Amino acid sequence: NEVDMTEVMALRNRFKKDFEEKHDVRLGFMSFFVKAAIQALREIPAVNAEIDGDELVYKNYYNIGVAVGTDTGLVVPVVRDADRLGFAALEKTINELGARARDKKLGLDDLQGGTFTISNGGVYGSLMSTPILNPPQSGILGMHKIQERPMAIDGKIEIRPMMYLALSYDHRIIDGKEAVTFLVRMKDCLEDPQRLLLDL
């Protein structure tokens, strides 16, 4: 799926200075994606489930793995109970985990217990990729590079900042309709980010 990032970028640009002054952390894009993913996971709980032996286990908590590139490869520290965190707490937690990952100071507990993962190939210039599942999780979202493209908007051609999203999923748990619905829900939240602020 593809997402028009116009509104998220406008909201971020409008408040990033005030946000950083108040919370002592930069307002990045990842907090918007974590919030949108949680909204979509609530609507499509199969994407937050896993197979444990012969049982299908649905999780009612949201421990979101955020992939971080280091000089020795990719690691995925986990933001625990991400649904209970506001934007500032998410950004601080993600930044702290990222710094510890690059300094090789993550513990095993930091890497275990995730229920869903977000990977950002866009930081390496990728327009599209197929993210690989992180077992036993049933889904992983791939974010990609924001690139301006001509789009038809209300009968006119406009240049918009667009991003492709990709969802890889365990087909034993998630069917195609659920996967597409998840991505459309993500798109809806990101293209109208006020919904994230109001928990809609």
Protein backbone atom coordinates (compact mmCIF):
# COMPACT_ATOMS: atom_id res chain seq x y z
CA ASN A 1 0.00 0.00 0.00
CA GLU A 2 1.08 3.61 -0.31
CA VAL A 3 0.57 6.47 2.11
CA ASP A 4 0.38 10.19 1.43
CA MET A 5 2.63 11.63 4.15
CA THR A 6 1.51 15.26 3.63
CA GLU A 7 -0.49 15.58 6.85
CA VAL A 8 2.00 13.79 9.10
CA MET A 9 4.82 15.93 7.73
CA ALA A 10 2.80 19.12 8.17
CA LEU A 11 1.87 18.23 11.76
CA ARG A 12 5.46 17.31 12.57
CA ASN A 13 6.84 20.49 11.00
CA ARG A 14 4.28 22.62 12.81
CA PHE A 15 5.06 21.30 16.28
CA LYS A 16 8.58 19.84 16.15
CA LYS A 17 10.26 22.89 17.70
CA ASP A 18 7.74 23.18 20.57
CA PHE A 19 7.79 19.40 21.04
CA GLU A 20 11.57 19.29 21.38
CA GLU A 21 11.65 22.29 23.73
CA LYS A 22 9.02 20.75 26.01
CA HIS A 23 10.05 17.09 25.94
CA ASP A 24 13.79 17.32 25.20
CA VAL A 25 13.48 14.84 22.33
CA ARG A 26 12.95 15.26 18.59
CA LEU A 27 9.57 14.40 17.09
CA GLY A 28 10.36 11.76 14.48
CA PHE A 29 8.15 9.71 12.21
CA MET A 30 8.45 6.41 14.10
CA SER A 31 6.07 7.43 16.90
CA PHE A 32 3.34 8.11 14.31
CA PHE A 33 3.89 4.66 12.80
CA VAL A 34 3.87 2.93 16.18
CA LYS A 35 0.61 4.70 17.11
CA ALA A 36 -0.97 3.85 13.74
CA ALA A 37 0.17 0.22 14.01
CA ILE A 38 -1.42 -0.12 17.44
CA GLN A 39 -4.72 1.23 16.11
CA ALA A 40 -4.58 -1.29 13.26
CA LEU A 41 -3.56 -4.15 15.58
CA ARG A 42 -6.56 -3.44 17.79
CA GLU A 43 -8.83 -3.69 14.77
CA ILE A 44 -7.10 -6.77 13.29
CA PRO A 45 -5.94 -8.75 16.37
CA ALA A 46 -4.67 -11.67 14.27
CA VAL A 47 -1.67 -9.52 13.28
CA ASN A 48 -0.75 -9.33 16.99
CA ALA A 49 -1.19 -13.09 17.57
CA GLU A 50 1.21 -16.02 17.52
CA ILE A 51 1.16 -19.81 17.34
CA ASP A 52 2.39 -21.50 20.53
CA GLY A 53 2.56 -25.25 19.98
CA ASP A 54 -0.94 -26.26 18.92
CA GLU A 55 -2.57 -23.07 20.19
CA LEU A 56 -3.27 -19.72 18.58
CA VAL A 57 -2.57 -17.03 21.18
CA TYR A 58 -4.11 -13.57 20.81
CA LYS A 59 -2.25 -10.83 22.68
CA ASN A 60 -4.08 -7.96 24.36
CA TYR A 61 -0.85 -6.02 24.86
CA TYR A 62 1.37 -4.29 22.33
CA ASN A 63 5.13 -4.77 22.59
CA ILE A 64 6.42 -3.22 19.39
CA GLY A 65 9.82 -4.19 18.03
CA VAL A 66 11.61 -1.35 16.22
CA ALA A 67 14.44 -2.47 13.94
CA VAL A 68 17.71 -0.56 14.44
CA GLY A 69 20.71 -0.67 12.12
CA THR A 70 24.12 -1.03 13.79
CA ASP A 71 27.63 -1.50 12.42
CA THR A 72 27.28 -5.23 13.12
CA GLY A 73 23.82 -5.67 11.61
CA LEU A 74 20.15 -5.18 12.40
CA VAL A 75 18.73 -5.67 15.90
CA VAL A 76 15.14 -5.31 17.06
CA PRO A 77 14.73 -3.90 20.56
CA VAL A 78 11.20 -3.94 21.96
CA VAL A 79 9.12 -0.97 23.12
CA ARG A 80 7.03 -2.58 25.85
CA ASP A 81 3.37 -1.63 26.39
CA ALA A 82 3.69 0.88 23.57
CA ASP A 83 -0.06 1.51 23.66
CA ARG A 84 0.35 3.14 27.08
CA LEU A 85 2.96 5.63 25.88
CA GLY A 86 2.37 9.09 24.47
CA PHE A 87 4.33 10.50 21.55
CA ALA A 88 7.09 11.95 23.76
CA ALA A 89 7.56 8.73 25.75
CA LEU A 90 7.63 6.71 22.52
CA GLU A 91 10.27 8.95 20.96
CA LYS A 92 12.41 8.86 24.13
CA THR A 93 12.15 5.08 24.42
CA ILE A 94 12.92 4.50 20.73
CA ASN A 95 15.90 6.88 20.86
CA GLU A 96 17.24 5.29 24.04
CA LEU A 97 16.92 1.75 22.68
CA GLY A 98 18.52 2.84 19.39
CA ALA A 99 21.48 4.43 21.19
CA ARG A 100 21.97 1.36 23.38
CA ALA A 101 21.78 -0.87 20.30
CA ARG A 102 24.49 1.12 18.50
CA ASP A 103 26.62 1.08 21.67
CA LYS A 104 26.10 -2.70 21.99
CA LYS A 105 24.50 -2.28 25.41
CA LEU A 106 21.20 -4.07 24.85
CA GLY A 107 20.34 -6.99 27.10
CA LEU A 108 18.48 -10.12 26.08
CA ASP A 109 15.34 -8.79 27.77
CA ASP A 110 15.43 -5.76 25.45
CA LEU A 111 15.14 -8.05 22.42
CA GLN A 112 12.51 -10.53 23.62
CA GLY A 113 8.74 -10.45 23.99
CA GLY A 114 7.79 -8.40 20.95
CA THR A 115 4.31 -8.92 19.51
CA PHE A 116 4.80 -6.98 16.24
CA THR A 117 7.78 -5.40 14.46
CA ILE A 118 8.32 -2.25 12.41
CA SER A 119 11.32 -2.05 10.08
CA ASN A 120 12.36 1.12 8.25
CA GLY A 121 14.19 0.35 5.02
CA GLY A 122 13.67 3.96 4.02
CA VAL A 123 16.69 5.07 6.06
CA TYR A 124 18.78 3.09 3.55
CA GLY A 125 16.97 4.57 0.53
CA SER A 126 14.64 1.61 -0.11
CA LEU A 127 11.40 2.41 -1.94
CA MET A 128 9.99 -1.11 -1.42
CA SER A 129 11.07 -4.29 0.31
CA THR A 130 9.76 -7.55 1.70
CA PRO A 131 10.45 -7.53 5.44
CA ILE A 132 11.15 -10.93 6.99
CA LEU A 133 9.02 -12.16 9.88
CA ASN A 134 10.51 -12.21 13.36
CA PRO A 135 9.14 -15.51 14.78
CA PRO A 136 6.97 -16.22 16.64
CA GLN A 137 5.37 -12.91 15.61
CA SER A 138 2.76 -13.14 12.87
CA GLY A 139 3.40 -9.76 11.22
CA ILE A 140 6.07 -7.20 10.38
CA LEU A 141 5.57 -3.80 8.79
CA GLY A 142 8.09 -2.34 6.37
CA MET A 143 8.33 1.46 6.12
CA HIS A 144 10.18 2.93 3.17
CA LYS A 145 11.65 6.11 1.73
CA ILE A 146 9.38 9.15 1.45
CA GLN A 147 9.54 10.27 -2.17
CA GLU A 148 7.69 13.04 -3.97
CA ARG A 149 5.50 11.72 -6.78
CA PRO A 150 2.74 13.14 -9.00
CA MET A 151 -0.65 12.08 -7.66
CA ALA A 152 -4.17 12.69 -8.97
CA ILE A 153 -5.99 14.69 -6.26
CA ASP A 154 -9.57 15.82 -6.95
CA GLY A 155 -8.97 15.75 -10.70
CA LYS A 156 -5.66 17.63 -10.55
CA ILE A 157 -2.05 16.49 -10.57
CA GLU A 158 -0.23 17.40 -7.37
CA ILE A 159 3.24 16.51 -6.13
CA ARG A 160 2.88 14.63 -2.84
CA PRO A 161 5.35 12.99 -0.43
CA MET A 162 4.48 9.31 -0.73
CA MET A 163 5.65 6.21 1.13
CA TYR A 164 5.09 2.56 0.32
CA LEU A 165 4.17 0.26 3.20
CA ALA A 166 4.63 -3.51 3.13
CA LEU A 167 3.24 -6.12 5.52
CA SER A 168 4.73 -9.60 5.68
CA TYR A 169 2.58 -12.03 7.62
CA ASP A 170 2.10 -15.63 8.72
CA HIS A 171 -0.63 -16.98 6.44
CA ARG A 172 -1.48 -19.69 8.98
CA ILE A 173 -2.88 -16.91 11.19
CA ILE A 174 -3.65 -13.96 8.92
CA ASP A 175 -5.57 -14.10 5.66
CA GLY A 176 -5.29 -11.66 2.76
CA LYS A 177 -8.36 -9.66 3.74
CA GLU A 178 -7.00 -9.09 7.25
CA ALA A 179 -3.59 -8.07 5.88
CA VAL A 180 -5.08 -5.56 3.44
CA THR A 181 -7.46 -4.20 6.09
CA PHE A 182 -4.51 -3.72 8.43
CA LEU A 183 -2.59 -1.72 5.80
CA VAL A 184 -5.64 0.38 4.89
CA ARG A 185 -6.18 1.17 8.58
CA MET A 186 -2.53 2.25 8.85
CA LYS A 187 -2.98 4.43 5.76
CA ASP A 188 -6.14 6.03 7.18
CA CYS A 189 -4.42 6.89 10.47
CA LEU A 190 -1.30 8.33 8.83
CA GLU A 191 -3.17 10.37 6.24
CA ASP A 192 -5.38 11.86 8.98
CA PRO A 193 -3.01 11.90 11.99
CA GLN A 194 -5.47 13.79 14.20
CA ARG A 195 -7.16 10.38 14.53
CA LEU A 196 -4.06 9.16 16.38
CA LEU A 197 -4.21 12.08 18.80
CA LEU A 198 -7.89 11.41 19.51
CA ASP A 199 -7.50 7.59 19.62
CA LEU A 200 -10.01 7.13 16.78
